[in-house]
Amino acid sequence: MDVHPLPPLLHNRPRHIAERVEELADELAGRYSAFAVGYADCGTYGALDALCARRRWHRLAGLHCYDLYAGADTVRRMLEEQPGTYLLTDFLVRSFDRTIVAELGLDRHPELHDDYFGHYRRVVWLRQDRDAGLEEQARAAAERLGLPLEVVETGHPRLEQALEQLVAETGHV
């Protein structure tokens, strides 16, 4: 099995995810006997499902990567308990300045902060790996947003299980 990643910043423009997945698959056509899509829906609002149905591919289950780390029920419960919850993964913590601050233009237009984050009440970091440096970065990100940080230990077991299931569904175990 080979993994062919797409740019993570596609998550900031999810309407392009399905088309980029299809473009990559077309580039790789003939090299593989099966394809599996390593995305949850990720904000495509069903476009990725439609592509997978048309091409007879399987994708990771879930609405977003948060489901793959914490579980869909846990994420749903957290968002119901506090609709103003901003979720972070380890990747988002590591890349916060680039993927959040710069991409939203907050580095150039700090006055936009309240427009983007004024209705949030907390940051929940779905921590996959224990790393003191990463914890400092998570706290700095929450502080930058002016929100309290909560840490939910997730590890990788749900993601690993979802990946195993995805590979099994392709029939290439």
Protein backbone atom coordinates (compact mmCIF):
# COMPACT_ATOMS: atom_id res chain seq x y z
CA MET A 1 0.00 0.00 0.00
CA ASP A 2 1.20 3.49 -0.84
CA VAL A 3 -0.08 6.74 0.57
CA HIS A 4 -0.33 9.77 -1.71
CA PRO A 5 -1.14 12.82 0.40
CA LEU A 6 -2.92 15.92 -0.77
CA PRO A 7 -2.19 19.38 0.67
CA PRO A 8 -3.63 19.69 4.18
CA LEU A 9 -4.79 23.23 3.44
CA LEU A 10 -7.54 21.70 1.30
CA HIS A 11 -9.41 21.44 4.60
CA ASN A 12 -9.69 25.24 4.53
CA ARG A 13 -11.40 24.95 1.13
CA PRO A 14 -13.23 21.63 1.33
CA ARG A 15 -15.21 22.24 -1.85
CA HIS A 16 -12.00 21.30 -3.69
CA ILE A 17 -11.29 18.03 -1.86
CA ALA A 18 -13.33 15.71 -4.09
CA GLU A 19 -11.94 17.17 -7.31
CA ARG A 20 -8.35 16.94 -6.04
CA VAL A 21 -8.90 13.34 -4.91
CA GLU A 22 -10.22 12.47 -8.36
CA GLU A 23 -7.37 14.28 -10.12
CA LEU A 24 -4.80 12.39 -8.04
CA ALA A 25 -6.52 9.06 -8.67
CA ASP A 26 -6.56 9.78 -12.41
CA GLU A 27 -2.82 10.57 -12.29
CA LEU A 28 -2.22 7.25 -10.51
CA ALA A 29 -4.52 5.21 -12.77
CA GLY A 30 -2.91 2.04 -14.01
CA ARG A 31 -0.42 1.88 -11.16
CA TYR A 32 -2.81 0.36 -8.62
CA SER A 33 -5.53 -2.27 -8.67
CA ALA A 34 -7.55 -0.52 -5.94
CA PHE A 35 -7.97 2.90 -4.40
CA ALA A 36 -9.11 3.91 -0.96
CA VAL A 37 -9.74 7.51 0.09
CA GLY A 38 -8.18 8.53 3.39
CA TYR A 39 -10.59 11.37 4.06
CA ALA A 40 -13.72 11.57 6.15
CA ASP A 41 -16.32 13.90 4.59
CA CYS A 42 -14.23 16.86 5.82
CA GLY A 43 -16.78 19.49 4.85
CA THR A 44 -17.43 18.29 1.29
CA TYR A 45 -21.15 17.95 2.13
CA GLY A 46 -21.42 14.64 0.32
CA ALA A 47 -19.28 15.49 -2.74
CA LEU A 48 -16.65 12.99 -1.64
CA ASP A 49 -19.32 10.33 -1.09
CA ALA A 50 -20.73 10.98 -4.56
CA LEU A 51 -17.25 10.62 -6.08
CA CYS A 52 -16.58 7.42 -4.14
CA ALA A 53 -19.94 5.97 -5.18
CA ARG A 54 -19.33 6.83 -8.83
CA ARG A 55 -15.79 5.41 -8.81
CA ARG A 56 -16.67 2.49 -6.48
CA TRP A 57 -14.14 3.52 -3.86
CA HIS A 58 -14.31 3.40 -0.10
CA ARG A 59 -13.39 6.29 2.18
CA LEU A 60 -12.79 6.72 5.88
CA ALA A 61 -16.03 6.88 7.83
CA GLY A 62 -17.12 10.01 9.63
CA LEU A 63 -17.94 13.62 9.11
CA HIS A 64 -14.40 14.81 9.84
CA CYS A 65 -11.05 13.74 11.25
CA TYR A 66 -12.24 14.61 14.74
CA ASP A 67 -14.55 11.58 14.56
CA LEU A 68 -11.55 9.43 13.67
CA TYR A 69 -9.68 10.50 16.78
CA ALA A 70 -12.31 10.95 19.48
CA GLY A 71 -15.23 8.99 18.04
CA ALA A 72 -18.35 10.45 16.44
CA ASP A 73 -20.44 10.11 19.60
CA THR A 74 -17.86 11.91 21.73
CA VAL A 75 -17.49 14.75 19.23
CA ARG A 76 -21.26 15.09 18.88
CA ARG A 77 -21.67 15.16 22.68
CA MET A 78 -18.93 17.81 23.10
CA LEU A 79 -20.51 20.03 20.45
CA GLU A 80 -24.00 19.59 21.91
CA GLU A 81 -22.74 20.39 25.41
CA GLN A 82 -20.95 23.49 24.15
CA PRO A 83 -21.78 24.51 20.57
CA GLY A 84 -19.01 27.12 20.80
CA THR A 85 -16.27 24.46 20.77
CA TYR A 86 -13.24 24.90 18.55
CA LEU A 87 -11.51 21.56 17.96
CA LEU A 88 -7.80 21.03 17.41
CA THR A 89 -5.83 17.95 16.45
CA ASP A 90 -2.07 17.52 16.89
CA PHE A 91 -1.62 18.61 13.28
CA LEU A 92 -3.62 21.79 13.84
CA VAL A 93 -1.67 22.55 16.99
CA ARG A 94 1.64 22.11 15.16
CA SER A 95 0.54 24.20 12.19
CA PHE A 96 -1.71 26.69 13.97
CA ASP A 97 0.12 29.82 12.83
CA ARG A 98 0.08 28.68 9.20
CA THR A 99 -3.26 26.86 8.89
CA ILE A 100 -5.35 29.09 11.12
CA VAL A 101 -3.69 32.46 11.73
CA ALA A 102 -2.16 33.05 8.29
CA GLU A 103 -4.89 31.32 6.28
CA LEU A 104 -7.61 33.34 7.97
CA GLY A 105 -5.54 36.51 7.60
CA LEU A 106 -5.39 37.14 11.34
CA ASP A 107 -1.68 37.92 11.09
CA ARG A 108 -2.50 40.77 8.69
CA HIS A 109 -5.94 41.70 10.00
CA PRO A 110 -6.18 41.01 13.74
CA GLU A 111 -9.44 42.96 13.80
CA LEU A 112 -11.06 39.88 12.19
CA HIS A 113 -10.49 37.82 15.35
CA ASP A 114 -13.95 38.42 16.80
CA ASP A 115 -15.61 37.84 13.42
CA TYR A 116 -14.08 34.36 13.30
CA PHE A 117 -13.90 33.41 16.96
CA GLY A 118 -16.28 35.68 18.86
CA HIS A 119 -18.87 32.93 19.35
CA TYR A 120 -16.47 30.22 20.49
CA ARG A 121 -16.31 29.43 24.19
CA ARG A 122 -13.55 26.85 24.44
CA VAL A 123 -10.80 25.06 22.56
CA VAL A 124 -10.73 21.27 22.83
CA TRP A 125 -7.48 19.65 21.79
CA LEU A 126 -7.96 16.03 20.74
CA ARG A 127 -4.46 15.00 21.75
CA GLN A 128 -3.07 12.04 19.86
CA ASP A 129 0.50 12.13 21.22
CA ARG A 130 1.89 13.25 24.55
CA ASP A 131 4.53 15.88 23.87
CA ALA A 132 5.35 18.68 26.29
CA GLY A 133 6.28 21.02 23.44
CA LEU A 134 3.01 20.34 21.71
CA GLU A 135 1.10 21.05 24.90
CA GLU A 136 2.80 24.45 25.11
CA GLN A 137 1.78 25.12 21.51
CA ALA A 138 -1.83 24.10 22.23
CA ARG A 139 -1.97 26.43 25.20
CA ALA A 140 -0.50 29.24 23.10
CA ALA A 141 -3.08 28.62 20.35
CA ALA A 142 -5.96 28.73 22.84
CA GLU A 143 -4.51 31.86 24.41
CA ARG A 144 -4.20 33.45 20.95
CA LEU A 145 -7.91 32.78 20.49
CA GLY A 146 -8.66 34.08 23.99
CA LEU A 147 -10.30 30.79 24.99
CA PRO A 148 -9.78 28.18 27.68
CA LEU A 149 -8.12 24.94 26.61
CA GLU A 150 -9.46 21.50 27.41
CA VAL A 151 -7.44 18.42 26.54
CA VAL A 152 -9.07 15.15 25.54
CA GLU A 153 -6.69 12.21 25.24
CA THR A 154 -7.49 10.24 22.10
CA GLY A 155 -4.33 8.51 20.97
CA HIS A 156 -4.53 6.73 17.62
CA PRO A 157 -6.63 3.58 18.21
CA ARG A 158 -9.79 4.78 16.45
CA LEU A 159 -7.82 6.06 13.48
CA GLU A 160 -5.87 2.82 13.26
CA GLN A 161 -9.08 0.79 13.39
CA ALA A 162 -10.69 2.99 10.70
CA LEU A 163 -7.66 2.58 8.45
CA GLU A 164 -7.67 -1.20 8.94
CA GLN A 165 -11.36 -1.28 8.06
CA LEU A 166 -10.79 0.89 4.98
CA VAL A 167 -8.06 -1.41 3.70
CA ALA A 168 -10.24 -4.45 4.37
CA GLU A 169 -13.14 -2.87 2.46
CA THR A 170 -10.95 -2.50 -0.62
CA GLY A 171 -10.46 -6.28 -0.55
CA HIS A 172 -6.69 -6.00 -0.22
CA VAL A 173 -6.00 -7.10 3.33
